Amino acid sequence: MLIYMLAAAMTIAMLIATAFGLHQEAARVRLDERNDRSRGFGPRQR
């Protein structure tokens, strides 16, 4: 029974870590996209 509880806890921890990693990666991609868009020709747009 203890092994099943540990396995469940590890599974939940891995799911949380995966969700956190995906959130961080999406934020980085959004930041990169915003920076790429702001480096165009002409006046800087906000």
N, C-alpha and C. Protein backbone atom coordinates (compact mmCIF):
# COMPACT_ATOMS: atom_id res chain seq x y z
N MET A 1 0.82 -1.20 0.00
CA MET A 1 0.00 0.00 0.00
C MET A 1 0.87 1.26 0.00
N LEU A 2 1.97 1.23 0.74
CA LEU A 2 2.86 2.38 0.81
C LEU A 2 3.47 2.69 -0.55
N ILE A 3 3.82 1.65 -1.30
CA ILE A 3 4.42 1.85 -2.62
C ILE A 3 3.40 2.52 -3.54
N TYR A 4 2.15 2.16 -3.47
CA TYR A 4 1.13 2.79 -4.31
C TYR A 4 0.96 4.26 -3.96
N MET A 5 1.02 4.58 -2.67
CA MET A 5 0.90 5.98 -2.26
C MET A 5 2.11 6.78 -2.74
N LEU A 6 3.29 6.21 -2.64
CA LEU A 6 4.49 6.90 -3.13
C LEU A 6 4.43 7.09 -4.64
N ALA A 7 3.96 6.08 -5.35
CA ALA A 7 3.84 6.19 -6.80
C ALA A 7 2.83 7.27 -7.18
N ALA A 8 1.73 7.33 -6.46
CA ALA A 8 0.72 8.36 -6.74
C ALA A 8 1.28 9.75 -6.45
N ALA A 9 2.01 9.88 -5.35
CA ALA A 9 2.60 11.18 -5.01
C ALA A 9 3.63 11.60 -6.06
N MET A 10 4.43 10.67 -6.53
CA MET A 10 5.42 10.98 -7.57
C MET A 10 4.72 11.37 -8.87
N THR A 11 3.64 10.69 -9.21
CA THR A 11 2.90 11.01 -10.44
C THR A 11 2.32 12.41 -10.36
N ILE A 12 1.73 12.75 -9.23
CA ILE A 12 1.17 14.09 -9.06
C ILE A 12 2.27 15.15 -9.11
N ALA A 13 3.40 14.86 -8.47
CA ALA A 13 4.51 15.81 -8.50
C ALA A 13 5.03 16.02 -9.92
N MET A 14 5.12 14.96 -10.70
CA MET A 14 5.59 15.09 -12.08
C MET A 14 4.59 15.86 -12.93
N LEU A 15 3.30 15.66 -12.71
CA LEU A 15 2.29 16.42 -13.46
C LEU A 15 2.37 17.90 -13.13
N ILE A 16 2.56 18.22 -11.86
CA ILE A 16 2.68 19.62 -11.47
C ILE A 16 3.95 20.23 -12.07
N ALA A 17 5.05 19.50 -12.03
CA ALA A 17 6.31 20.00 -12.61
C ALA A 17 6.18 20.20 -14.11
N THR A 18 5.49 19.31 -14.79
CA THR A 18 5.28 19.45 -16.23
C THR A 18 4.44 20.67 -16.54
N ALA A 19 3.38 20.88 -15.80
CA ALA A 19 2.53 22.05 -16.02
C ALA A 19 3.31 23.34 -15.77
N PHE A 20 4.11 23.36 -14.72
CA PHE A 20 4.92 24.54 -14.42
C PHE A 20 5.93 24.79 -15.53
N GLY A 21 6.58 23.74 -16.03
CA GLY A 21 7.54 23.89 -17.11
C GLY A 21 6.90 24.40 -18.39
N LEU A 22 5.72 23.89 -18.71
CA LEU A 22 5.02 24.36 -19.90
C LEU A 22 4.63 25.83 -19.77
N HIS A 23 4.21 26.21 -18.57
CA HIS A 23 3.85 27.61 -18.34
C HIS A 23 5.06 28.52 -18.52
N GLN A 24 6.21 28.12 -17.98
CA GLN A 24 7.43 28.92 -18.11
C GLN A 24 7.86 29.02 -19.57
N GLU A 25 7.79 27.92 -20.31
CA GLU A 25 8.18 27.91 -21.71
C GLU A 25 7.25 28.81 -22.53
N ALA A 26 5.96 28.77 -22.26
CA ALA A 26 5.02 29.63 -22.98
C ALA A 26 5.30 31.09 -22.70
N ALA A 27 5.61 31.42 -21.47
CA ALA A 27 5.93 32.81 -21.12
C ALA A 27 7.20 33.26 -21.85
N ARG A 28 8.19 32.39 -21.94
CA ARG A 28 9.43 32.74 -22.65
C ARG A 28 9.17 32.95 -24.13
N VAL A 29 8.35 32.11 -24.73
CA VAL A 29 8.04 32.25 -26.15
C VAL A 29 7.28 33.55 -26.40
N ARG A 30 6.34 33.89 -25.52
CA ARG A 30 5.61 35.15 -25.68
C ARG A 30 6.55 36.34 -25.58
N LEU A 31 7.49 36.29 -24.65
CA LEU A 31 8.45 37.38 -24.50
C LEU A 31 9.34 37.49 -25.72
N ASP A 32 9.82 36.37 -26.24
CA ASP A 32 10.65 36.39 -27.45
C ASP A 32 9.87 36.95 -28.63
N GLU A 33 8.62 36.56 -28.77
CA GLU A 33 7.80 37.06 -29.88
C GLU A 33 7.59 38.56 -29.77
N ARG A 34 7.35 39.05 -28.56
CA ARG A 34 7.15 40.49 -28.36
C ARG A 34 8.44 41.25 -28.68
N ASN A 35 9.59 40.70 -28.28
CA ASN A 35 10.87 41.34 -28.56
C ASN A 35 11.16 41.35 -30.05
N ASP A 36 10.86 40.26 -30.75
CA ASP A 36 11.10 40.20 -32.19
C ASP A 36 10.22 41.22 -32.91
N ARG A 37 8.99 41.37 -32.47
CA ARG A 37 8.08 42.31 -33.12
C ARG A 37 8.51 43.75 -32.90
N SER A 38 9.13 44.03 -31.77
CA SER A 38 9.48 45.42 -31.46
C SER A 38 10.76 45.86 -32.15
N ARG A 39 11.49 44.96 -32.81
CA ARG A 39 12.75 45.33 -33.45
C ARG A 39 12.60 45.57 -34.94
N GLY A 40 11.44 45.94 -35.40
CA GLY A 40 11.22 46.15 -36.82
C GLY A 40 11.74 47.50 -37.29
N PHE A 41 11.45 47.83 -38.55
CA PHE A 41 11.83 49.13 -39.09
C PHE A 41 10.85 50.19 -38.62
N GLY A 42 11.27 51.42 -38.66
CA GLY A 42 10.38 52.51 -38.32
C GLY A 42 10.34 52.79 -36.84
N PRO A 43 9.41 53.64 -36.44
CA PRO A 43 9.33 53.99 -35.02
C PRO A 43 8.91 52.78 -34.18
N ARG A 44 9.34 52.82 -32.97
CA ARG A 44 9.02 51.71 -32.05
C ARG A 44 7.56 51.80 -31.64
N GLN A 45 6.86 50.70 -31.77
CA GLN A 45 5.45 50.68 -31.38
C GLN A 45 5.30 49.94 -30.07
N ARG A 46 4.33 50.36 -29.29
CA ARG A 46 4.10 49.70 -28.00
C ARG A 46 2.89 48.84 -28.05
